């Protein structure tokens, strides 16, 4: 139901591609997110719980830093185990 996209990698490797093949018509992250929303995806914030102990806090901070680099998109209709169903999706 949810996909996670590494924003930096996606911008560089997918949106920043100059020659063919182009996976998406979008050239910026914002336009890509708008395209996802047309197909029913919403962006989500990762709700990260902090620990009270110092070692766990620093481990949590490293994990939070990783999560800040990721974009989470959710759709109740998306199922990663059945990607062939995406062919039936229509824009809203």
PDB file of N, CA and C in Angstrom:
ATOM      1  N   UNK A   1       0.807  -1.197   0.000  1.00  0.00           N
ATOM      2  CA  UNK A   1       0.000   0.000   0.000  1.00  0.00           C
ATOM      3  C   UNK A   1       0.853   1.264   0.000  1.00  0.00           C
ATOM      4  N   UNK A   2       2.128   1.113   0.329  1.00  0.00           N
ATOM      5  CA  UNK A   2       3.003   2.279   0.459  1.00  0.00           C
ATOM      6  C   UNK A   2       4.302   2.037  -0.316  1.00  0.00           C
ATOM      7  N   UNK A   3       4.806   3.097  -0.939  1.00  0.00           N
ATOM      8  CA  UNK A   3       6.111   3.020  -1.593  1.00  0.00           C
ATOM      9  C   UNK A   3       7.023   4.060  -0.952  1.00  0.00           C
ATOM     10  N   UNK A   4       8.297   3.748  -0.870  1.00  0.00           N
ATOM     11  CA  UNK A   4       9.295   4.673  -0.330  1.00  0.00           C
ATOM     12  C   UNK A   4      10.280   5.000  -1.443  1.00  0.00           C
ATOM     13  N   UNK A   5      10.514   6.295  -1.653  1.00  0.00           N
ATOM     14  CA  UNK A   5      11.399   6.755  -2.720  1.00  0.00           C
ATOM     15  C   UNK A   5      12.522   7.566  -2.099  1.00  0.00           C
ATOM     16  N   UNK A   6      13.759   7.200  -2.393  1.00  0.00           N
ATOM     17  CA  UNK A   6      14.908   7.986  -1.960  1.00  0.00           C
ATOM     18  C   UNK A   6      14.953   9.227  -2.847  1.00  0.00           C
ATOM     19  N   UNK A   7      14.644  10.389  -2.267  1.00  0.00           N
ATOM     20  CA  UNK A   7      14.490  11.618  -3.055  1.00  0.00           C
ATOM     21  C   UNK A   7      15.750  11.993  -3.828  1.00  0.00           C
ATOM     22  N   UNK A   8      16.901  11.947  -3.187  1.00  0.00           N
ATOM     23  CA  UNK A   8      18.145  12.329  -3.853  1.00  0.00           C
ATOM     24  C   UNK A   8      18.480  11.414  -5.013  1.00  0.00           C
ATOM     25  N   UNK A   9      18.394  10.123  -4.775  1.00  0.00           N
ATOM     26  CA  UNK A   9      18.683   9.144  -5.822  1.00  0.00           C
ATOM     27  C   UNK A   9      17.690   9.280  -6.978  1.00  0.00           C
ATOM     28  N   UNK A  10      16.408   9.445  -6.650  1.00  0.00           N
ATOM     29  CA  UNK A  10      15.370   9.545  -7.673  1.00  0.00           C
ATOM     30  C   UNK A  10      15.570  10.788  -8.540  1.00  0.00           C
ATOM     31  N   UNK A  11      15.891  11.914  -7.898  1.00  0.00           N
ATOM     32  CA  UNK A  11      16.132  13.148  -8.666  1.00  0.00           C
ATOM     33  C   UNK A  11      17.299  12.974  -9.626  1.00  0.00           C
ATOM     34  N   UNK A  12      18.364  12.369  -9.146  1.00  0.00           N
ATOM     35  CA  UNK A  12      19.579  12.224  -9.952  1.00  0.00           C
ATOM     36  C   UNK A  12      19.431  11.155 -11.033  1.00  0.00           C
ATOM     37  N   UNK A  13      18.982   9.978 -10.658  1.00  0.00           N
ATOM     38  CA  UNK A  13      18.988   8.837 -11.572  1.00  0.00           C
ATOM     39  C   UNK A  13      17.766   8.735 -12.477  1.00  0.00           C
ATOM     40  N   UNK A  14      16.634   9.270 -12.048  1.00  0.00           N
ATOM     41  CA  UNK A  14      15.418   9.136 -12.854  1.00  0.00           C
ATOM     42  C   UNK A  14      15.024  10.465 -13.482  1.00  0.00           C
ATOM     43  N   UNK A  15      14.825  11.480 -12.657  1.00  0.00           N
ATOM     44  CA  UNK A  15      14.382  12.770 -13.186  1.00  0.00           C
ATOM     45  C   UNK A  15      15.505  13.514 -13.896  1.00  0.00           C
ATOM     46  N   UNK A  16      16.745  13.290 -13.495  1.00  0.00           N
ATOM     47  CA  UNK A  16      17.876  13.993 -14.083  1.00  0.00           C
ATOM     48  C   UNK A  16      18.402  13.369 -15.364  1.00  0.00           C
ATOM     49  N   UNK A  17      17.825  12.301 -15.787  1.00  0.00           N
ATOM     50  CA  UNK A  17      18.274  11.597 -16.997  1.00  0.00           C
ATOM     51  C   UNK A  17      18.060  12.483 -18.222  1.00  0.00           C
ATOM     52  N   UNK A  18      19.082  12.621 -19.055  1.00  0.00           N
ATOM     53  CA  UNK A  18      18.987  13.508 -20.215  1.00  0.00           C
ATOM     54  C   UNK A  18      18.641  12.768 -21.497  1.00  0.00           C
ATOM     55  N   UNK A  19      19.137  11.583 -21.674  1.00  0.00           N
ATOM     56  CA  UNK A  19      18.852  10.839 -22.901  1.00  0.00           C
ATOM     57  C   UNK A  19      17.747   9.827 -22.697  1.00  0.00           C
ATOM     58  N   UNK A  20      17.297   9.223 -23.786  1.00  0.00           N
ATOM     59  CA  UNK A  20      16.273   8.190 -23.645  1.00  0.00           C
ATOM     60  C   UNK A  20      16.856   6.959 -22.960  1.00  0.00           C
ATOM     61  N   UNK A  21      16.111   6.112 -22.346  1.00  0.00           N
ATOM     62  CA  UNK A  21      14.660   6.202 -22.203  1.00  0.00           C
ATOM     63  C   UNK A  21      14.278   7.039 -20.990  1.00  0.00           C
ATOM     64  N   UNK A  22      13.182   7.755 -21.096  1.00  0.00           N
ATOM     65  CA  UNK A  22      12.641   8.525 -19.977  1.00  0.00           C
ATOM     66  C   UNK A  22      11.542   7.695 -19.325  1.00  0.00           C
ATOM     67  N   UNK A  23      11.662   7.475 -18.033  1.00  0.00           N
ATOM     68  CA  UNK A  23      10.648   6.698 -17.325  1.00  0.00           C
ATOM     69  C   UNK A  23       9.398   7.534 -17.068  1.00  0.00           C
ATOM     70  N   UNK A  24       9.593   8.855 -16.850  1.00  0.00           N
ATOM     71  CA  UNK A  24       8.475   9.744 -16.536  1.00  0.00           C
ATOM     72  C   UNK A  24       8.616  11.027 -17.333  1.00  0.00           C
ATOM     73  N   UNK A  25       7.484  11.661 -17.611  1.00  0.00           N
ATOM     74  CA  UNK A  25       7.511  12.951 -18.301  1.00  0.00           C
ATOM     75  C   UNK A  25       7.938  14.064 -17.347  1.00  0.00           C
ATOM     76  N   UNK A  26       7.788  13.841 -16.050  1.00  0.00           N
ATOM     77  CA  UNK A  26       8.112  14.853 -15.048  1.00  0.00           C
ATOM     78  C   UNK A  26       9.611  15.143 -15.036  1.00  0.00           C
ATOM     79  N   UNK A  27       9.949  16.407 -14.834  1.00  0.00           N
ATOM     80  CA  UNK A  27      11.351  16.818 -14.755  1.00  0.00           C
ATOM     81  C   UNK A  27      11.742  17.272 -13.349  1.00  0.00           C
ATOM     82  N   UNK A  28      10.755  17.425 -12.457  1.00  0.00           N
ATOM     83  CA  UNK A  28      11.048  17.846 -11.088  1.00  0.00           C
ATOM     84  C   UNK A  28      10.301  16.939 -10.115  1.00  0.00           C
ATOM     85  N   UNK A  29      10.762  16.926  -8.877  1.00  0.00           N
ATOM     86  CA  UNK A  29      10.129  16.099  -7.854  1.00  0.00           C
ATOM     87  C   UNK A  29       8.689  16.547  -7.625  1.00  0.00           C
ATOM     88  N   UNK A  30       8.478  17.854  -7.641  1.00  0.00           N
ATOM     89  CA  UNK A  30       7.131  18.386  -7.413  1.00  0.00           C
ATOM     90  C   UNK A  30       6.152  17.895  -8.480  1.00  0.00           C
ATOM     91  N   UNK A  31       6.553  17.956  -9.748  1.00  0.00           N
ATOM     92  CA  UNK A  31       5.650  17.504 -10.807  1.00  0.00           C
ATOM     93  C   UNK A  31       5.447  15.985 -10.750  1.00  0.00           C
ATOM     94  N   UNK A  32       6.463  15.244 -10.319  1.00  0.00           N
ATOM     95  CA  UNK A  32       6.302  13.799 -10.162  1.00  0.00           C
ATOM     96  C   UNK A  32       5.278  13.492  -9.068  1.00  0.00           C
ATOM     97  N   UNK A  33       5.350  14.212  -7.946  1.00  0.00           N
ATOM     98  CA  UNK A  33       4.395  14.008  -6.855  1.00  0.00           C
ATOM     99  C   UNK A  33       2.986  14.377  -7.312  1.00  0.00           C
ATOM    100  N   UNK A  34       2.861  15.444  -8.100  1.00  0.00           N
ATOM    101  CA  UNK A  34       1.551  15.818  -8.640  1.00  0.00           C
ATOM    102  C   UNK A  34       0.998  14.716  -9.537  1.00  0.00           C
ATOM    103  N   UNK A  35       1.870  14.099 -10.336  1.00  0.00           N
ATOM    104  CA  UNK A  35       1.433  12.986 -11.185  1.00  0.00           C
ATOM    105  C   UNK A  35       0.972  11.798 -10.336  1.00  0.00           C
ATOM    106  N   UNK A  36       1.705  11.496  -9.266  1.00  0.00           N
ATOM    107  CA  UNK A  36       1.283  10.410  -8.379  1.00  0.00           C
ATOM    108  C   UNK A  36      -0.085  10.700  -7.775  1.00  0.00           C
ATOM    109  N   UNK A  37      -0.316  11.950  -7.392  1.00  0.00           N
ATOM    110  CA  UNK A  37      -1.604  12.298  -6.779  1.00  0.00           C
ATOM    111  C   UNK A  37      -2.753  12.137  -7.769  1.00  0.00           C
ATOM    112  N   UNK A  38      -2.491  12.334  -9.053  1.00  0.00           N
ATOM    113  CA  UNK A  38      -3.536  12.128 -10.060  1.00  0.00           C
ATOM    114  C   UNK A  38      -3.970  10.663 -10.135  1.00  0.00           C
ATOM    115  N   UNK A  39      -3.107   9.772  -9.689  1.00  0.00           N
ATOM    116  CA  UNK A  39      -3.435   8.353  -9.677  1.00  0.00           C
ATOM    117  C   UNK A  39      -3.838   7.862  -8.286  1.00  0.00           C
ATOM    118  N   UNK A  40      -4.105   8.780  -7.372  1.00  0.00           N
ATOM    119  CA  UNK A  40      -4.635   8.410  -6.070  1.00  0.00           C
ATOM    120  C   UNK A  40      -3.631   8.233  -4.950  1.00  0.00           C
ATOM    121  N   UNK A  41      -2.361   8.536  -5.182  1.00  0.00           N
ATOM    122  CA  UNK A  41      -1.360   8.430  -4.118  1.00  0.00           C
ATOM    123  C   UNK A  41      -1.355   9.702  -3.283  1.00  0.00           C
ATOM    124  N   UNK A  42      -1.099   9.546  -1.999  1.00  0.00           N
ATOM    125  CA  UNK A  42      -0.895  10.693  -1.119  1.00  0.00           C
ATOM    126  C   UNK A  42       0.485  10.548  -0.487  1.00  0.00           C
ATOM    127  N   UNK A  43       1.138  11.677  -0.211  1.00  0.00           N
ATOM    128  CA  UNK A  43       2.439  11.622   0.455  1.00  0.00           C
ATOM    129  C   UNK A  43       2.209  11.574   1.956  1.00  0.00           C
ATOM    130  N   UNK A  44       3.090  10.872   2.640  1.00  0.00           N
ATOM    131  CA  UNK A  44       2.951  10.675   4.078  1.00  0.00           C
ATOM    132  C   UNK A  44       4.230  11.082   4.784  1.00  0.00           C
ATOM    133  N   UNK A  45       4.097  11.499   6.025  1.00  0.00           N
ATOM    134  CA  UNK A  45       5.235  11.747   6.893  1.00  0.00           C
ATOM    135  C   UNK A  45       5.480  10.483   7.704  1.00  0.00           C
ATOM    136  N   UNK A  46       6.736  10.140   7.894  1.00  0.00           N
ATOM    137  CA  UNK A  46       7.078   8.993   8.727  1.00  0.00           C
ATOM    138  C   UNK A  46       7.021   9.436  10.170  1.00  0.00           C
ATOM    139  N   UNK A  47       6.186   8.777  10.969  1.00  0.00           N
ATOM    140  CA  UNK A  47       6.045   9.112  12.384  1.00  0.00           C
ATOM    141  C   UNK A  47       7.086   8.324  13.162  1.00  0.00           C
ATOM    142  N   UNK A  48       8.189   9.001  13.504  1.00  0.00           N
ATOM    143  CA  UNK A  48       9.305   8.329  14.157  1.00  0.00           C
ATOM    144  C   UNK A  48       9.250   8.590  15.655  1.00  0.00           C
ATOM    145  N   UNK A  49       9.252   7.537  16.468  1.00  0.00           N
ATOM    146  CA  UNK A  49       9.189   7.650  17.925  1.00  0.00           C
ATOM    147  C   UNK A  49      10.599   7.760  18.501  1.00  0.00           C
ATOM    148  N   UNK A  50      10.807   8.735  19.385  1.00  0.00           N
ATOM    149  CA  UNK A  50      12.117   8.949  20.009  1.00  0.00           C
ATOM    150  C   UNK A  50      12.223   8.190  21.318  1.00  0.00           C
ATOM    151  N   UNK A  51      13.418   7.702  21.607  1.00  0.00           N
ATOM    152  CA  UNK A  51      13.691   6.993  22.850  1.00  0.00           C
ATOM    153  C   UNK A  51      14.249   7.969  23.884  1.00  0.00           C
ATOM    154  N   UNK A  52      14.031   7.661  25.158  1.00  0.00           N
ATOM    155  CA  UNK A  52      14.517   8.525  26.230  1.00  0.00           C
ATOM    156  C   UNK A  52      15.990   8.273  26.556  1.00  0.00           C
ATOM    157  N   UNK A  53      16.530   7.094  26.258  1.00  0.00           N
ATOM    158  CA  UNK A  53      17.928   6.812  26.591  1.00  0.00           C
ATOM    159  C   UNK A  53      18.859   7.382  25.521  1.00  0.00           C
ATOM    160  N   UNK A  54      20.026   7.863  25.942  1.00  0.00           N
ATOM    161  CA  UNK A  54      20.964   8.535  25.043  1.00  0.00           C
ATOM    162  C   UNK A  54      21.468   7.647  23.902  1.00  0.00           C
ATOM    163  N   UNK A  55      21.946   6.414  24.138  1.00  0.00           N
ATOM    164  CA  UNK A  55      22.401   5.588  23.006  1.00  0.00           C
ATOM    165  C   UNK A  55      21.278   5.310  22.002  1.00  0.00           C
ATOM    166  N   UNK A  56      20.102   5.048  22.532  1.00  0.00           N
ATOM    167  CA  UNK A  56      18.974   4.798  21.638  1.00  0.00           C
ATOM    168  C   UNK A  56      18.576   6.077  20.913  1.00  0.00           C
ATOM    169  N   UNK A  57      18.751   7.227  21.583  1.00  0.00           N
ATOM    170  CA  UNK A  57      18.432   8.504  20.945  1.00  0.00           C
ATOM    171  C   UNK A  57      19.311   8.721  19.717  1.00  0.00           C
ATOM    172  N   UNK A  58      20.632   8.474  19.856  1.00  0.00           N
ATOM    173  CA  UNK A  58      21.538   8.675  18.723  1.00  0.00           C
ATOM    174  C   UNK A  58      21.264   7.667  17.605  1.00  0.00           C
ATOM    175  N   UNK A  59      20.926   6.440  17.970  1.00  0.00           N
ATOM    176  CA  UNK A  59      20.546   5.456  16.948  1.00  0.00           C
ATOM    177  C   UNK A  59      19.267   5.914  16.257  1.00  0.00           C
ATOM    178  N   UNK A  60      18.356   6.460  17.048  1.00  0.00           N
ATOM    179  CA  UNK A  60      17.108   6.977  16.484  1.00  0.00           C
ATOM    180  C   UNK A  60      17.345   8.173  15.589  1.00  0.00           C
ATOM    181  N   UNK A  61      18.293   9.028  15.954  1.00  0.00           N
ATOM    182  CA  UNK A  61      18.614  10.202  15.130  1.00  0.00           C
ATOM    183  C   UNK A  61      19.171   9.774  13.776  1.00  0.00           C
ATOM    184  N   UNK A  62      20.018   8.739  13.773  1.00  0.00           N
ATOM    185  CA  UNK A  62      20.548   8.228  12.503  1.00  0.00           C
ATOM    186  C   UNK A  62      19.415   7.676  11.645  1.00  0.00           C
ATOM    187  N   UNK A  63      18.482   6.984  12.276  1.00  0.00           N
ATOM    188  CA  UNK A  63      17.345   6.436  11.545  1.00  0.00           C
ATOM    189  C   UNK A  63      16.447   7.564  11.033  1.00  0.00           C
ATOM    190  N   UNK A  64      16.245   8.589  11.844  1.00  0.00           N
ATOM    191  CA  UNK A  64      15.425   9.727  11.428  1.00  0.00           C
ATOM    192  C   UNK A  64      16.075  10.451  10.258  1.00  0.00           C
ATOM    193  N   UNK A  65      17.400  10.548  10.271  1.00  0.00           N
ATOM    194  CA  UNK A  65      18.115  11.179   9.162  1.00  0.00           C
ATOM    195  C   UNK A  65      17.878  10.413   7.866  1.00  0.00           C
ATOM    196  N   UNK A  66      17.891   9.103   7.945  1.00  0.00           N
ATOM    197  CA  UNK A  66      17.604   8.274   6.778  1.00  0.00           C
ATOM    198  C   UNK A  66      16.174   8.507   6.296  1.00  0.00           C
ATOM    199  N   UNK A  67      15.233   8.544   7.220  1.00  0.00           N
ATOM    200  CA  UNK A  67      13.827   8.712   6.846  1.00  0.00           C
ATOM    201  C   UNK A  67      13.550  10.083   6.237  1.00  0.00           C
ATOM    202  N   UNK A  68      14.336  11.098   6.606  1.00  0.00           N
ATOM    203  CA  UNK A  68      14.148  12.429   6.008  1.00  0.00           C
ATOM    204  C   UNK A  68      14.508  12.420   4.527  1.00  0.00           C
ATOM    205  N   UNK A  69      15.330  11.483   4.097  1.00  0.00           N
ATOM    206  CA  UNK A  69      15.730  11.391   2.696  1.00  0.00           C
ATOM    207  C   UNK A  69      14.706  10.622   1.858  1.00  0.00           C
ATOM    208  N   UNK A  70      13.736  10.004   2.526  1.00  0.00           N
ATOM    209  CA  UNK A  70      12.760   9.183   1.828  1.00  0.00           C
ATOM    210  C   UNK A  70      11.419   9.889   1.700  1.00  0.00           C
ATOM    211  N   UNK A  71      10.765   9.659   0.592  1.00  0.00           N
ATOM    212  CA  UNK A  71       9.414  10.151   0.350  1.00  0.00           C
ATOM    213  C   UNK A  71       8.499   8.937   0.403  1.00  0.00           C
ATOM    214  N   UNK A  72       7.488   8.986   1.258  1.00  0.00           N
ATOM    215  CA  UNK A  72       6.548   7.887   1.390  1.00  0.00           C
ATOM    216  C   UNK A  72       5.246   8.267   0.703  1.00  0.00           C
ATOM    217  N   UNK A  73       4.785   7.403  -0.189  1.00  0.00           N
ATOM    218  CA  UNK A  73       3.537   7.627  -0.915  1.00  0.00           C
ATOM    219  C   UNK A  73       2.627   6.432  -0.672  1.00  0.00           C
ATOM    220  N   UNK A  74       1.352   6.731  -0.397  1.00  0.00           N
ATOM    221  CA  UNK A  74       0.397   5.691  -0.044  1.00  0.00           C
ATOM    222  C   UNK A  74      -0.810   5.736  -0.972  1.00  0.00           C
ATOM    223  N   UNK A  75      -1.295   4.576  -1.337  1.00  0.00           N
ATOM    224  CA  UNK A  75      -2.560   4.440  -2.050  1.00  0.00           C
ATOM    225  C   UNK A  75      -3.222   3.157  -1.572  1.00  0.00           C
ATOM    226  N   UNK A  76      -4.493   3.228  -1.202  1.00  0.00           N
ATOM    227  CA  UNK A  76      -5.168   2.004  -0.754  1.00  0.00           C
ATOM    228  C   UNK A  76      -5.306   0.972  -1.874  1.00  0.00           C
ATOM    229  N   UNK A  77      -5.211   1.411  -3.120  1.00  0.00           N
ATOM    230  CA  UNK A  77      -5.372   0.502  -4.258  1.00  0.00           C
ATOM    231  C   UNK A  77      -4.056  -0.131  -4.701  1.00  0.00           C
ATOM    232  N   UNK A  78      -2.915   0.410  -4.267  1.00  0.00           N
ATOM    233  CA  UNK A  78      -1.609  -0.097  -4.701  1.00  0.00           C
ATOM    234  C   UNK A  78      -1.265  -1.377  -3.948  1.00  0.00           C
ATOM    235  N   UNK A  79      -0.772  -2.364  -4.674  1.00  0.00           N
ATOM    236  CA  UNK A  79      -0.336  -3.612  -4.061  1.00  0.00           C
ATOM    237  C   UNK A  79       0.951  -4.049  -4.752  1.00  0.00           C
ATOM    238  N   UNK A  80       2.062  -3.994  -4.041  1.00  0.00           N
ATOM    239  CA  UNK A  80       3.366  -4.306  -4.642  1.00  0.00           C
ATOM    240  C   UNK A  80       3.469  -5.769  -5.085  1.00  0.00           C
ATOM    241  N   UNK A  81       2.634  -6.630  -4.542  1.00  0.00           N
ATOM    242  CA  UNK A  81       2.673  -8.042  -4.927  1.00  0.00           C
ATOM    243  C   UNK A  81       1.934  -8.305  -6.238  1.00  0.00           C
ATOM    244  N   UNK A  82       1.180  -7.314  -6.701  1.00  0.00           N
ATOM    245  CA  UNK A  82       0.415  -7.461  -7.945  1.00  0.00           C
ATOM    246  C   UNK A  82       0.609  -6.231  -8.831  1.00  0.00           C
ATOM    247  N   UNK A  83       1.822  -6.002  -9.353  1.00  0.00           N
ATOM    248  CA  UNK A  83       2.074  -4.794 -10.152  1.00  0.00           C
ATOM    249  C   UNK A  83       1.289  -4.758 -11.457  1.00  0.00           C
ATOM    250  N   UNK A  84       0.833  -5.895 -11.939  1.00  0.00           N
ATOM    251  CA  UNK A  84       0.054  -5.915 -13.179  1.00  0.00           C
ATOM    252  C   UNK A  84      -1.266  -5.153 -13.037  1.00  0.00           C
ATOM    253  N   UNK A  85      -1.752  -4.969 -11.807  1.00  0.00           N
ATOM    254  CA  UNK A  85      -2.997  -4.231 -11.587  1.00  0.00           C
ATOM    255  C   UNK A  85      -2.849  -2.745 -11.900  1.00  0.00           C
ATOM    256  N   UNK A  86      -1.613  -2.249 -11.931  1.00  0.00           N
ATOM    257  CA  UNK A  86      -1.386  -0.835 -12.246  1.00  0.00           C
ATOM    258  C   UNK A  86      -1.850  -0.490 -13.658  1.00  0.00           C
ATOM    259  N   UNK A  87      -1.870  -1.468 -14.537  1.00  0.00           N
ATOM    260  CA  UNK A  87      -2.277  -1.218 -15.919  1.00  0.00           C
ATOM    261  C   UNK A  87      -3.721  -0.738 -16.015  1.00  0.00           C
ATOM    262  N   UNK A  88      -4.542  -1.076 -15.033  1.00  0.00           N
ATOM    263  CA  UNK A  88      -5.959  -0.691 -15.048  1.00  0.00           C
ATOM    264  C   UNK A  88      -6.232   0.680 -14.437  1.00  0.00           C
ATOM    265  N   UNK A  89      -5.242   1.265 -13.789  1.00  0.00           N
ATOM    266  CA  UNK A  89      -5.454   2.544 -13.110  1.00  0.00           C
ATOM    267  C   UNK A  89      -5.724   3.645 -14.111  1.00  0.00           C
ATOM    268  N   UNK A  90      -6.621   4.531 -13.743  1.00  0.00           N
ATOM    269  CA  UNK A  90      -6.946   5.692 -14.563  1.00  0.00           C
ATOM    270  C   UNK A  90      -6.654   6.955 -13.759  1.00  0.00           C
ATOM    271  N   UNK A  91      -6.324   8.028 -14.478  1.00  0.00           N
ATOM    272  CA  UNK A  91      -6.111   9.316 -13.805  1.00  0.00           C
ATOM    273  C   UNK A  91      -7.433   9.831 -13.280  1.00  0.00           C
ATOM    274  N   UNK A  92      -7.367  10.555 -12.156  1.00  0.00           N
ATOM    275  CA  UNK A  92      -8.588  11.159 -11.607  1.00  0.00           C
ATOM    276  C   UNK A  92      -8.894  12.438 -12.320  1.00  0.00           C
TER     277      UNK A  92
END
